[in-house]
Structure formats: structure tokens, C-alpha cells
Amino acid sequence: MAIQSISTDGWRRHGDERRGKWQAGLPIRLSRVNDSEAEEPNADDLLPVKIDVLRVVEIGVALWVIALVVTLVIPALHRDGHDWWPWTCVAGAVLGGIGWGYLRRGRGNAAAA
């Protein structure tokens, strides 16, 4: 009797244990998992992950500034058709700064919406 594995997308794959998953050239038979077999998600599992968005924006701006410094220090990265690369870094840093200011004032907070 074949062992049946259930994937996260709700489909059961038959025969995965015999030939290795996703082996080229061999068909995998799929069947829908019964609703009685699927577990109901817990309310705690459905809560959004708490992320410090301001910190994420600060890291992103810092990375754009580092990229700007690197493109300005290495001549090959801003000459010969690559003259737009530093401006891309400037645009990323400026737009990130605008986003940082927006979040810093308290806007963009989904809890207050």
C-alpha cells in the first residue's frame, strides 16, 4: 500500500515515496483532500506577524546608501553606459526617506485605520 503525502496546497500526491518528489518524466497522480481530513486552522495561527516596519524601511534606505557609495567608489559602475546606476540608488534612498517620514509621523499604521 502506497503512503500518501498531503501538500500544503490541499492536494494529495500518490506515489511520491517510491520515486522521489517531482522526478522528471514520471506523472504524479493528484486527488483532492477531503474536507473531513483537513484540519481547521487555529485562530492564533491566523494572526498577522508583528513587524517593525520602520526598521525595515531604515534598513532598506541604508542598503540604498551603501549601494550609492559602492557605485560612486568603483568607476566601472558609473561610467560607460552605467551612469544611471547612481541615480537609481539616489532615487531609492530618497523614496525610502519619504516612506520613513510617512511612517514616522504615524501614518501607514494599519492599527489606526
PDB file of N, CA and C in Angstrom:
ATOM      1  N   MET A   1       0.838  -1.181   0.000  1.00  0.00           N
ATOM      2  CA  MET A   1       0.000   0.000   0.000  1.00  0.00           C
ATOM      3  C   MET A   1       0.882   1.243   0.000  1.00  0.00           C
ATOM      4  N   ALA A   2       0.587   2.187  -0.864  1.00  0.00           N
ATOM      5  CA  ALA A   2       1.401   3.391  -1.005  1.00  0.00           C
ATOM      6  C   ALA A   2       1.075   4.394   0.098  1.00  0.00           C
ATOM      7  N   ILE A   3       2.106   5.031   0.561  1.00  0.00           N
ATOM      8  CA  ILE A   3       1.921   6.103   1.545  1.00  0.00           C
ATOM      9  C   ILE A   3       1.518   7.353   0.777  1.00  0.00           C
ATOM     10  N   GLN A   4       0.533   8.061   1.301  1.00  0.00           N
ATOM     11  CA  GLN A   4       0.054   9.247   0.621  1.00  0.00           C
ATOM     12  C   GLN A   4       0.511  10.470   1.404  1.00  0.00           C
ATOM     13  N   SER A   5       1.082  11.434   0.696  1.00  0.00           N
ATOM     14  CA  SER A   5       1.507  12.665   1.348  1.00  0.00           C
ATOM     15  C   SER A   5       0.542  13.775   0.975  1.00  0.00           C
ATOM     16  N   ILE A   6       0.310  14.666   1.907  1.00  0.00           N
ATOM     17  CA  ILE A   6      -0.589  15.786   1.673  1.00  0.00           C
ATOM     18  C   ILE A   6       0.260  17.051   1.647  1.00  0.00           C
ATOM     19  N   SER A   7       0.145  17.798   0.572  1.00  0.00           N
ATOM     20  CA  SER A   7       0.927  19.019   0.451  1.00  0.00           C
ATOM     21  C   SER A   7       0.164  20.176   1.074  1.00  0.00           C
ATOM     22  N   THR A   8       0.818  21.316   1.151  1.00  0.00           N
ATOM     23  CA  THR A   8       0.194  22.491   1.754  1.00  0.00           C
ATOM     24  C   THR A   8      -0.901  23.082   0.887  1.00  0.00           C
ATOM     25  N   ASP A   9      -0.950  22.734  -0.392  1.00  0.00           N
ATOM     26  CA  ASP A   9      -1.983  23.298  -1.247  1.00  0.00           C
ATOM     27  C   ASP A   9      -3.263  22.458  -1.255  1.00  0.00           C
ATOM     28  N   GLY A  10      -3.326  21.421  -0.432  1.00  0.00           N
ATOM     29  CA  GLY A  10      -4.543  20.652  -0.293  1.00  0.00           C
ATOM     30  C   GLY A  10      -4.676  19.493  -1.267  1.00  0.00           C
ATOM     31  N   TRP A  11      -3.658  19.183  -2.026  1.00  0.00           N
ATOM     32  CA  TRP A  11      -3.701  18.073  -2.961  1.00  0.00           C
ATOM     33  C   TRP A  11      -2.873  16.926  -2.423  1.00  0.00           C
ATOM     34  N   ARG A  12      -3.347  15.712  -2.615  1.00  0.00           N
ATOM     35  CA  ARG A  12      -2.647  14.513  -2.169  1.00  0.00           C
ATOM     36  C   ARG A  12      -1.866  13.954  -3.355  1.00  0.00           C
ATOM     37  N   ARG A  13      -0.615  13.681  -3.136  1.00  0.00           N
ATOM     38  CA  ARG A  13       0.230  13.124  -4.191  1.00  0.00           C
ATOM     39  C   ARG A  13       0.437  11.646  -3.907  1.00  0.00           C
ATOM     40  N   HIS A  14       0.089  10.819  -4.856  1.00  0.00           N
ATOM     41  CA  HIS A  14       0.231   9.380  -4.707  1.00  0.00           C
ATOM     42  C   HIS A  14       1.533   8.937  -5.351  1.00  0.00           C
ATOM     43  N   GLY A  15       2.297   8.149  -4.658  1.00  0.00           N
ATOM     44  CA  GLY A  15       3.489   7.551  -5.240  1.00  0.00           C
ATOM     45  C   GLY A  15       4.751   8.351  -5.058  1.00  0.00           C
ATOM     46  N   ASP A  16       4.733   9.450  -4.319  1.00  0.00           N
ATOM     47  CA  ASP A  16       5.932  10.249  -4.125  1.00  0.00           C
ATOM     48  C   ASP A  16       7.023   9.467  -3.399  1.00  0.00           C
ATOM     49  N   GLU A  17       6.633   8.578  -2.509  1.00  0.00           N
ATOM     50  CA  GLU A  17       7.608   7.870  -1.678  1.00  0.00           C
ATOM     51  C   GLU A  17       8.419   6.852  -2.474  1.00  0.00           C
ATOM     52  N   ARG A  18       7.913   6.421  -3.631  1.00  0.00           N
ATOM     53  CA  ARG A  18       8.608   5.387  -4.402  1.00  0.00           C
ATOM     54  C   ARG A  18       9.682   5.953  -5.319  1.00  0.00           C
ATOM     55  N   ARG A  19       9.488   7.146  -5.856  1.00  0.00           N
ATOM     56  CA  ARG A  19      10.391   7.614  -6.899  1.00  0.00           C
ATOM     57  C   ARG A  19      10.975   8.995  -6.632  1.00  0.00           C
ATOM     58  N   GLY A  20      10.789   9.537  -5.471  1.00  0.00           N
ATOM     59  CA  GLY A  20      11.324  10.866  -5.196  1.00  0.00           C
ATOM     60  C   GLY A  20      10.404  11.932  -5.755  1.00  0.00           C
ATOM     61  N   LYS A  21      10.277  13.011  -5.032  1.00  0.00           N
ATOM     62  CA  LYS A  21       9.333  14.045  -5.429  1.00  0.00           C
ATOM     63  C   LYS A  21       9.781  14.760  -6.684  1.00  0.00           C
ATOM     64  N   TRP A  22       8.840  14.984  -7.584  1.00  0.00           N
ATOM     65  CA  TRP A  22       8.998  15.797  -8.775  1.00  0.00           C
ATOM     66  C   TRP A  22      10.079  15.263  -9.717  1.00  0.00           C
ATOM     67  N   GLN A  23      10.186  13.957  -9.801  1.00  0.00           N
ATOM     68  CA  GLN A  23      11.149  13.369 -10.717  1.00  0.00           C
ATOM     69  C   GLN A  23      10.629  13.551 -12.142  1.00  0.00           C
ATOM     70  N   ALA A  24      11.501  13.996 -13.018  1.00  0.00           N
ATOM     71  CA  ALA A  24      11.084  14.340 -14.374  1.00  0.00           C
ATOM     72  C   ALA A  24      10.622  13.109 -15.139  1.00  0.00           C
ATOM     73  N   GLY A  25       9.583  13.276 -15.915  1.00  0.00           N
ATOM     74  CA  GLY A  25       9.125  12.227 -16.798  1.00  0.00           C
ATOM     75  C   GLY A  25       8.130  11.260 -16.183  1.00  0.00           C
ATOM     76  N   LEU A  26       7.956  11.264 -14.897  1.00  0.00           N
ATOM     77  CA  LEU A  26       7.022  10.343 -14.262  1.00  0.00           C
ATOM     78  C   LEU A  26       5.816  11.120 -13.744  1.00  0.00           C
ATOM     79  N   PRO A  27       4.626  10.760 -14.183  1.00  0.00           N
ATOM     80  CA  PRO A  27       3.443  11.504 -13.755  1.00  0.00           C
ATOM     81  C   PRO A  27       3.135  11.242 -12.277  1.00  0.00           C
ATOM     82  N   ILE A  28       2.605  12.229 -11.637  1.00  0.00           N
ATOM     83  CA  ILE A  28       2.156  12.110 -10.254  1.00  0.00           C
ATOM     84  C   ILE A  28       0.638  12.269 -10.266  1.00  0.00           C
ATOM     85  N   ARG A  29      -0.044  11.294  -9.727  1.00  0.00           N
ATOM     86  CA  ARG A  29      -1.497  11.318  -9.701  1.00  0.00           C
ATOM     87  C   ARG A  29      -1.935  12.175  -8.514  1.00  0.00           C
ATOM     88  N   LEU A  30      -2.826  13.128  -8.770  1.00  0.00           N
ATOM     89  CA  LEU A  30      -3.303  14.030  -7.733  1.00  0.00           C
ATOM     90  C   LEU A  30      -4.774  13.783  -7.444  1.00  0.00           C
ATOM     91  N   SER A  31      -5.146  13.888  -6.194  1.00  0.00           N
ATOM     92  CA  SER A  31      -6.561  13.855  -5.823  1.00  0.00           C
ATOM     93  C   SER A  31      -6.791  14.858  -4.715  1.00  0.00           C
ATOM     94  N   ARG A  32      -7.965  15.456  -4.702  1.00  0.00           N
ATOM     95  CA  ARG A  32      -8.292  16.494  -3.722  1.00  0.00           C
ATOM     96  C   ARG A  32      -8.489  15.862  -2.360  1.00  0.00           C
ATOM     97  N   VAL A  33      -7.946  16.498  -1.314  1.00  0.00           N
ATOM     98  CA  VAL A  33      -8.102  16.014   0.051  1.00  0.00           C
ATOM     99  C   VAL A  33      -9.531  16.290   0.503  1.00  0.00           C
ATOM    100  N   ASN A  34     -10.129  15.311   1.174  1.00  0.00           N
ATOM    101  CA  ASN A  34     -11.483  15.503   1.702  1.00  0.00           C
ATOM    102  C   ASN A  34     -11.470  16.589   2.760  1.00  0.00           C
ATOM    103  N   ASP A  35     -12.567  17.324   2.848  1.00  0.00           N
ATOM    104  CA  ASP A  35     -12.674  18.369   3.860  1.00  0.00           C
ATOM    105  C   ASP A  35     -12.622  17.796   5.268  1.00  0.00           C
ATOM    106  N   SER A  36     -13.061  16.548   5.446  1.00  0.00           N
ATOM    107  CA  SER A  36     -13.040  15.934   6.777  1.00  0.00           C
ATOM    108  C   SER A  36     -11.611  15.640   7.228  1.00  0.00           C
ATOM    109  N   GLU A  37     -10.671  15.458   6.270  1.00  0.00           N
ATOM    110  CA  GLU A  37      -9.288  15.177   6.608  1.00  0.00           C
ATOM    111  C   GLU A  37      -8.495  16.443   6.905  1.00  0.00           C
ATOM    112  N   ALA A  38      -8.929  17.574   6.363  1.00  0.00           N
ATOM    113  CA  ALA A  38      -8.198  18.824   6.555  1.00  0.00           C
ATOM    114  C   ALA A  38      -8.474  19.380   7.941  1.00  0.00           C
ATOM    115  N   GLU A  39      -7.410  19.863   8.586  1.00  0.00           N
ATOM    116  CA  GLU A  39      -7.564  20.452   9.907  1.00  0.00           C
ATOM    117  C   GLU A  39      -8.026  21.886   9.781  1.00  0.00           C
ATOM    118  N   GLU A  40      -8.879  22.306  10.689  1.00  0.00           N
ATOM    119  CA  GLU A  40      -9.336  23.682  10.732  1.00  0.00           C
ATOM    120  C   GLU A  40      -8.231  24.527  11.355  1.00  0.00           C
ATOM    121  N   PRO A  41      -7.848  25.642  10.742  1.00  0.00           N
ATOM    122  CA  PRO A  41      -6.773  26.448  11.314  1.00  0.00           C
ATOM    123  C   PRO A  41      -7.195  27.075  12.635  1.00  0.00           C
ATOM    124  N   ASN A  42      -6.244  27.169  13.525  1.00  0.00           N
ATOM    125  CA  ASN A  42      -6.465  27.769  14.828  1.00  0.00           C
ATOM    126  C   ASN A  42      -6.458  29.288  14.666  1.00  0.00           C
ATOM    127  N   ALA A  43      -7.224  30.002  15.495  1.00  0.00           N
ATOM    128  CA  ALA A  43      -7.291  31.456  15.404  1.00  0.00           C
ATOM    129  C   ALA A  43      -5.923  32.088  15.665  1.00  0.00           C
ATOM    130  N   ASP A  44      -5.103  31.477  16.503  1.00  0.00           N
ATOM    131  CA  ASP A  44      -3.770  32.014  16.772  1.00  0.00           C
ATOM    132  C   ASP A  44      -2.854  31.883  15.564  1.00  0.00           C
ATOM    133  N   ASP A  45      -3.098  30.891  14.712  1.00  0.00           N
ATOM    134  CA  ASP A  45      -2.285  30.706  13.514  1.00  0.00           C
ATOM    135  C   ASP A  45      -2.591  31.764  12.457  1.00  0.00           C
ATOM    136  N   LEU A  46      -3.752  32.395  12.540  1.00  0.00           N
ATOM    137  CA  LEU A  46      -4.182  33.345  11.523  1.00  0.00           C
ATOM    138  C   LEU A  46      -3.814  34.784  11.841  1.00  0.00           C
ATOM    139  N   LEU A  47      -3.204  35.030  12.988  1.00  0.00           N
ATOM    140  CA  LEU A  47      -2.833  36.389  13.348  1.00  0.00           C
ATOM    141  C   LEU A  47      -1.644  36.850  12.511  1.00  0.00           C
ATOM    142  N   PRO A  48      -1.644  38.131  12.117  1.00  0.00           N
ATOM    143  CA  PRO A  48      -0.512  38.617  11.313  1.00  0.00           C
ATOM    144  C   PRO A  48       0.763  38.682  12.152  1.00  0.00           C
ATOM    145  N   VAL A  49       1.873  38.562  11.490  1.00  0.00           N
ATOM    146  CA  VAL A  49       3.166  38.637  12.148  1.00  0.00           C
ATOM    147  C   VAL A  49       3.460  40.098  12.449  1.00  0.00           C
ATOM    148  N   LYS A  50       3.885  40.378  13.657  1.00  0.00           N
ATOM    149  CA  LYS A  50       4.209  41.750  14.041  1.00  0.00           C
ATOM    150  C   LYS A  50       5.617  42.074  13.547  1.00  0.00           C
ATOM    151  N   ILE A  51       5.709  43.113  12.731  1.00  0.00           N
ATOM    152  CA  ILE A  51       6.971  43.532  12.143  1.00  0.00           C
ATOM    153  C   ILE A  51       7.157  45.019  12.411  1.00  0.00           C
ATOM    154  N   ASP A  52       8.361  45.392  12.772  1.00  0.00           N
ATOM    155  CA  ASP A  52       8.692  46.803  12.930  1.00  0.00           C
ATOM    156  C   ASP A  52       8.969  47.368  11.536  1.00  0.00           C
ATOM    157  N   VAL A  53       7.943  47.927  10.920  1.00  0.00           N
ATOM    158  CA  VAL A  53       8.029  48.392   9.541  1.00  0.00           C
ATOM    159  C   VAL A  53       9.019  49.541   9.428  1.00  0.00           C
ATOM    160  N   LEU A  54       9.080  50.388  10.431  1.00  0.00           N
ATOM    161  CA  LEU A  54      10.020  51.497  10.413  1.00  0.00           C
ATOM    162  C   LEU A  54      11.455  50.984  10.330  1.00  0.00           C
ATOM    163  N   ARG A  55      11.747  49.913  11.038  1.00  0.00           N
ATOM    164  CA  ARG A  55      13.092  49.323  10.996  1.00  0.00           C
ATOM    165  C   ARG A  55      13.382  48.742   9.609  1.00  0.00           C
ATOM    166  N   VAL A  56      12.384  48.146   8.986  1.00  0.00           N
ATOM    167  CA  VAL A  56      12.562  47.588   7.635  1.00  0.00           C
ATOM    168  C   VAL A  56      12.892  48.707   6.646  1.00  0.00           C
ATOM    169  N   VAL A  57      12.200  49.832   6.749  1.00  0.00           N
ATOM    170  CA  VAL A  57      12.459  50.958   5.855  1.00  0.00           C
ATOM    171  C   VAL A  57      13.849  51.535   6.120  1.00  0.00           C
ATOM    172  N   GLU A  58      14.239  51.630   7.389  1.00  0.00           N
ATOM    173  CA  GLU A  58      15.576  52.140   7.714  1.00  0.00           C
ATOM    174  C   GLU A  58      16.666  51.252   7.121  1.00  0.00           C
ATOM    175  N   ILE A  59      16.487  49.947   7.199  1.00  0.00           N
ATOM    176  CA  ILE A  59      17.463  49.017   6.621  1.00  0.00           C
ATOM    177  C   ILE A  59      17.505  49.170   5.099  1.00  0.00           C
ATOM    178  N   GLY A  60      16.336  49.315   4.477  1.00  0.00           N
ATOM    179  CA  GLY A  60      16.283  49.498   3.030  1.00  0.00           C
ATOM    180  C   GLY A  60      16.983  50.767   2.585  1.00  0.00           C
ATOM    181  N   VAL A  61      16.760  51.872   3.300  1.00  0.00           N
ATOM    182  CA  VAL A  61      17.429  53.137   2.961  1.00  0.00           C
ATOM    183  C   VAL A  61      18.938  52.997   3.144  1.00  0.00           C
ATOM    184  N   ALA A  62      19.355  52.335   4.232  1.00  0.00           N
ATOM    185  CA  ALA A  62      20.788  52.127   4.466  1.00  0.00           C
ATOM    186  C   ALA A  62      21.416  51.312   3.336  1.00  0.00           C
ATOM    187  N   LEU A  63      20.705  50.303   2.856  1.00  0.00           N
ATOM    188  CA  LEU A  63      21.231  49.499   1.748  1.00  0.00           C
ATOM    189  C   LEU A  63      21.334  50.315   0.459  1.00  0.00           C
ATOM    190  N   TRP A  64      20.368  51.216   0.212  1.00  0.00           N
ATOM    191  CA  TRP A  64      20.456  52.069  -0.971  1.00  0.00           C
ATOM    192  C   TRP A  64      21.634  53.031  -0.860  1.00  0.00           C
ATOM    193  N   VAL A  65      21.876  53.557   0.336  1.00  0.00           N
ATOM    194  CA  VAL A  65      23.014  54.468   0.519  1.00  0.00           C
ATOM    195  C   VAL A  65      24.327  53.718   0.326  1.00  0.00           C
ATOM    196  N   ILE A  66      24.420  52.500   0.853  1.00  0.00           N
ATOM    197  CA  ILE A  66      25.625  51.686   0.655  1.00  0.00           C
ATOM    198  C   ILE A  66      25.832  51.402  -0.829  1.00  0.00           C
ATOM    199  N   ALA A  67      24.745  51.084  -1.529  1.00  0.00           N
ATOM    200  CA  ALA A  67      24.850  50.837  -2.972  1.00  0.00           C
ATOM    201  C   ALA A  67      25.300  52.096  -3.702  1.00  0.00           C
ATOM    202  N   LEU A  68      24.845  53.267  -3.267  1.00  0.00           N
ATOM    203  CA  LEU A  68      25.272  54.521  -3.880  1.00  0.00           C
ATOM    204  C   LEU A  68      26.770  54.737  -3.680  1.00  0.00           C
ATOM    205  N   VAL A  69      27.250  54.514  -2.462  1.00  0.00           N
ATOM    206  CA  VAL A  69      28.677  54.677  -2.192  1.00  0.00           C
ATOM    207  C   VAL A  69      29.498  53.715  -3.043  1.00  0.00           C
ATOM    208  N   VAL A  70      29.053  52.470  -3.144  1.00  0.00           N
ATOM    209  CA  VAL A  70      29.784  51.476  -3.936  1.00  0.00           C
ATOM    210  C   VAL A  70      29.816  51.880  -5.403  1.00  0.00           C
ATOM    211  N   THR A  71      28.691  52.352  -5.939  1.00  0.00           N
ATOM    212  CA  THR A  71      28.672  52.743  -7.358  1.00  0.00           C
ATOM    213  C   THR A  71      29.517  53.977  -7.614  1.00  0.00           C
ATOM    214  N   LEU A  72      29.662  54.856  -6.624  1.00  0.00           N
ATOM    215  CA  LEU A  72      30.498  56.031  -6.818  1.00  0.00           C
ATOM    216  C   LEU A  72      31.979  55.727  -6.629  1.00  0.00           C
ATOM    217  N   VAL A  73      32.311  54.782  -5.754  1.00  0.00           N
ATOM    218  CA  VAL A  73      33.716  54.444  -5.489  1.00  0.00           C
ATOM    219  C   VAL A  73      34.321  53.633  -6.623  1.00  0.00           C
ATOM    220  N   ILE A  74      33.557  52.728  -7.201  1.00  0.00           N
ATOM    221  CA  ILE A  74      34.066  51.870  -8.280  1.00  0.00           C
ATOM    222  C   ILE A  74      33.713  52.533  -9.614  1.00  0.00           C
ATOM    223  N   PRO A  75      34.709  53.032 -10.328  1.00  0.00           N
ATOM    224  CA  PRO A  75      34.429  53.781 -11.568  1.00  0.00           C
ATOM    225  C   PRO A  75      33.681  52.980 -12.634  1.00  0.00           C
ATOM    226  N   ALA A  76      33.916  51.695 -12.703  1.00  0.00           N
ATOM    227  CA  ALA A  76      33.254  50.889 -13.737  1.00  0.00           C
ATOM    228  C   ALA A  76      31.745  50.822 -13.528  1.00  0.00           C
ATOM    229  N   LEU A  77      31.275  51.152 -12.346  1.00  0.00           N
ATOM    230  CA  LEU A  77      29.835  51.071 -12.060  1.00  0.00           C
ATOM    231  C   LEU A  77      29.089  52.368 -12.372  1.00  0.00           C
ATOM    232  N   HIS A  78      29.814  53.434 -12.741  1.00  0.00           N
ATOM    233  CA  HIS A  78      29.097  54.662 -13.099  1.00  0.00           C
ATOM    234  C   HIS A  78      29.610  55.296 -14.388  1.00  0.00           C
ATOM    235  N   ARG A  79      30.329  54.527 -15.187  1.00  0.00           N
ATOM    236  CA  ARG A  79      30.803  55.008 -16.491  1.00  0.00           C
ATOM    237  C   ARG A  79      30.362  54.042 -17.585  1.00  0.00           C
ATOM    238  N   ASP A  80      30.541  54.489 -18.805  1.00  0.00           N
ATOM    239  CA  ASP A  80      30.298  53.655 -19.985  1.00  0.00           C
ATOM    240  C   ASP A  80      28.893  53.049 -20.027  1.00  0.00           C
ATOM    241  N   GLY A  81      27.911  53.906 -19.983  1.00  0.00           N
ATOM    242  CA  GLY A  81      26.537  53.425 -20.092  1.00  0.00           C
ATOM    243  C   GLY A  81      25.889  53.052 -18.768  1.00  0.00           C
ATOM    244  N   HIS A  82      26.649  53.113 -17.702  1.00  0.00           N
ATOM    245  CA  HIS A  82      26.094  52.814 -16.380  1.00  0.00           C
ATOM    246  C   HIS A  82      25.905  54.081 -15.561  1.00  0.00           C
ATOM    247  N   ASP A  83      25.826  55.221 -16.221  1.00  0.00           N
ATOM    248  CA  ASP A  83      25.719  56.479 -15.486  1.00  0.00           C
ATOM    249  C   ASP A  83      24.384  56.635 -14.758  1.00  0.00           C
ATOM    250  N   TRP A  84      23.416  55.810 -15.069  1.00  0.00           N
ATOM    251  CA  TRP A  84      22.117  55.875 -14.394  1.00  0.00           C
ATOM    252  C   TRP A  84      22.104  55.077 -13.088  1.00  0.00           C
ATOM    253  N   TRP A  85      23.087  54.222 -12.855  1.00  0.00           N
ATOM    254  CA  TRP A  85      23.102  53.396 -11.644  1.00  0.00           C
ATOM    255  C   TRP A  85      23.153  54.229 -10.353  1.00  0.00           C
ATOM    256  N   PRO A  86      24.024  55.230 -10.257  1.00  0.00           N
ATOM    257  CA  PRO A  86      23.994  56.040  -9.025  1.00  0.00           C
ATOM    258  C   PRO A  86      22.661  56.753  -8.820  1.00  0.00           C
ATOM    259  N   TRP A  87      22.045  57.195  -9.922  1.00  0.00           N
ATOM    260  CA  TRP A  87      20.757  57.879  -9.793  1.00  0.00           C
ATOM    261  C   TRP A  87      19.656  56.935  -9.322  1.00  0.00           C
ATOM    262  N   THR A  88      19.774  55.684  -9.686  1.00  0.00           N
ATOM    263  CA  THR A  88      18.819  54.700  -9.173  1.00  0.00           C
ATOM    264  C   THR A  88      18.952  54.559  -7.661  1.00  0.00           C
ATOM    265  N   CYS A  89      20.196  54.530  -7.185  1.00  0.00           N
ATOM    266  CA  CYS A  89      20.434  54.449  -5.739  1.00  0.00           C
ATOM    267  C   CYS A  89      19.929  55.702  -5.028  1.00  0.00           C
ATOM    268  N   VAL A  90      20.145  56.867  -5.650  1.00  0.00           N
ATOM    269  CA  VAL A  90      19.647  58.116  -5.062  1.00  0.00           C
ATOM    270  C   VAL A  90      18.126  58.086  -4.984  1.00  0.00           C
ATOM    271  N   ALA A  91      17.475  57.647  -6.056  1.00  0.00           N
ATOM    272  CA  ALA A  91      16.007  57.573  -6.061  1.00  0.00           C
ATOM    273  C   ALA A  91      15.508  56.607  -4.989  1.00  0.00           C
ATOM    274  N   GLY A  92      16.168  55.452  -4.840  1.00  0.00           N
ATOM    275  CA  GLY A  92      15.766  54.501  -3.803  1.00  0.00           C
ATOM    276  C   GLY A  92      15.917  55.075  -2.412  1.00  0.00           C
ATOM    277  N   ALA A  93      17.030  55.782  -2.165  1.00  0.00           N
ATOM    278  CA  ALA A  93      17.250  56.375  -0.844  1.00  0.00           C
ATOM    279  C   ALA A  93      16.257  57.504  -0.566  1.00  0.00           C
ATOM    280  N   VAL A  94      16.001  58.349  -1.576  1.00  0.00           N
ATOM    281  CA  VAL A  94      15.060  59.467  -1.380  1.00  0.00           C
ATOM    282  C   VAL A  94      13.639  58.950  -1.157  1.00  0.00           C
ATOM    283  N   LEU A  95      13.202  58.003  -1.983  1.00  0.00           N
ATOM    284  CA  LEU A  95      11.852  57.456  -1.796  1.00  0.00           C
ATOM    285  C   LEU A  95      11.729  56.699  -0.479  1.00  0.00           C
ATOM    286  N   GLY A  96      12.784  56.011  -0.088  1.00  0.00           N
ATOM    287  CA  GLY A  96      12.786  55.360   1.217  1.00  0.00           C
ATOM    288  C   GLY A  96      12.717  56.364   2.346  1.00  0.00           C
ATOM    289  N   GLY A  97      13.407  57.505   2.180  1.00  0.00           N
ATOM    290  CA  GLY A  97      13.335  58.572   3.189  1.00  0.00           C
ATOM    291  C   GLY A  97      11.940  59.163   3.289  1.00  0.00           C
ATOM    292  N   ILE A  98      11.281  59.317   2.163  1.00  0.00           N
ATOM    293  CA  ILE A  98       9.889  59.801   2.190  1.00  0.00           C
ATOM    294  C   ILE A  98       8.995  58.784   2.901  1.00  0.00           C
ATOM    295  N   GLY A  99       9.190  57.514   2.588  1.00  0.00           N
ATOM    296  CA  GLY A  99       8.419  56.476   3.279  1.00  0.00           C
ATOM    297  C   GLY A  99       8.709  56.430   4.764  1.00  0.00           C
ATOM    298  N   TRP A 100       9.986  56.642   5.141  1.00  0.00           N
ATOM    299  CA  TRP A 100      10.366  56.664   6.555  1.00  0.00           C
ATOM    300  C   TRP A 100       9.660  57.814   7.265  1.00  0.00           C
ATOM    301  N   GLY A 101       9.641  59.000   6.628  1.00  0.00           N
ATOM    302  CA  GLY A 101       8.950  60.150   7.225  1.00  0.00           C
ATOM    303  C   GLY A 101       7.458  59.914   7.366  1.00  0.00           C
ATOM    304  N   TYR A 102       6.875  59.270   6.379  1.00  0.00           N
ATOM    305  CA  TYR A 102       5.448  58.947   6.406  1.00  0.00           C
ATOM    306  C   TYR A 102       5.125  58.007   7.565  1.00  0.00           C
ATOM    307  N   LEU A 103       5.953  56.993   7.731  1.00  0.00           N
ATOM    308  CA  LEU A 103       5.726  56.036   8.819  1.00  0.00           C
ATOM    309  C   LEU A 103       6.051  56.655  10.173  1.00  0.00           C
ATOM    310  N   ARG A 104       7.048  57.510  10.204  1.00  0.00           N
ATOM    311  CA  ARG A 104       7.475  58.123  11.471  1.00  0.00           C
ATOM    312  C   ARG A 104       6.371  59.015  12.052  1.00  0.00           C
ATOM    313  N   ARG A 105       5.608  59.672  11.189  1.00  0.00           N
ATOM    314  CA  ARG A 105       4.512  60.515  11.658  1.00  0.00           C
ATOM    315  C   ARG A 105       3.319  59.713  12.140  1.00  0.00           C
ATOM    316  N   GLY A 106       3.362  58.390  11.951  1.00  0.00           N
ATOM    317  CA  GLY A 106       2.254  57.571  12.411  1.00  0.00           C
ATOM    318  C   GLY A 106       1.282  57.168  11.331  1.00  0.00           C
ATOM    319  N   ARG A 107       1.490  57.683  10.133  1.00  0.00           N
ATOM    320  CA  ARG A 107       0.644  57.259   9.028  1.00  0.00           C
ATOM    321  C   ARG A 107       1.109  55.905   8.566  1.00  0.00           C
ATOM    322  N   GLY A 108       0.294  55.212   7.835  1.00  0.00           N
ATOM    323  CA  GLY A 108       0.674  53.901   7.337  1.00  0.00           C
ATOM    324  C   GLY A 108       0.548  52.820   8.391  1.00  0.00           C
ATOM    325  N   ASN A 109      -0.026  53.157   9.533  1.00  0.00           N
ATOM    326  CA  ASN A 109      -0.217  52.191  10.608  1.00  0.00           C
ATOM    327  C   ASN A 109      -1.594  51.570  10.430  1.00  0.00           C
ATOM    328  N   ALA A 110      -1.627  50.294  10.130  1.00  0.00           N
ATOM    329  CA  ALA A 110      -2.899  49.621   9.857  1.00  0.00           C
ATOM    330  C   ALA A 110      -3.783  49.559  11.095  1.00  0.00           C
ATOM    331  N   ALA A 111      -3.195  49.600  12.296  1.00  0.00           N
ATOM    332  CA  ALA A 111      -3.987  49.518  13.524  1.00  0.00           C
ATOM    333  C   ALA A 111      -4.857  50.763  13.686  1.00  0.00           C
ATOM    334  N   ALA A 112      -4.395  51.895  13.179  1.00  0.00           N
ATOM    335  CA  ALA A 112      -5.154  53.133  13.319  1.00  0.00           C
ATOM    336  C   ALA A 112      -6.185  53.310  12.207  1.00  0.00           C
ATOM    337  N   ALA A 113      -6.163  52.459  11.210  1.00  0.00           N
ATOM    338  CA  ALA A 113      -7.076  52.611  10.071  1.00  0.00           C
ATOM    339  C   ALA A 113      -8.492  52.186  10.436  1.00  0.00           C
TER     340      ALA A 113
END
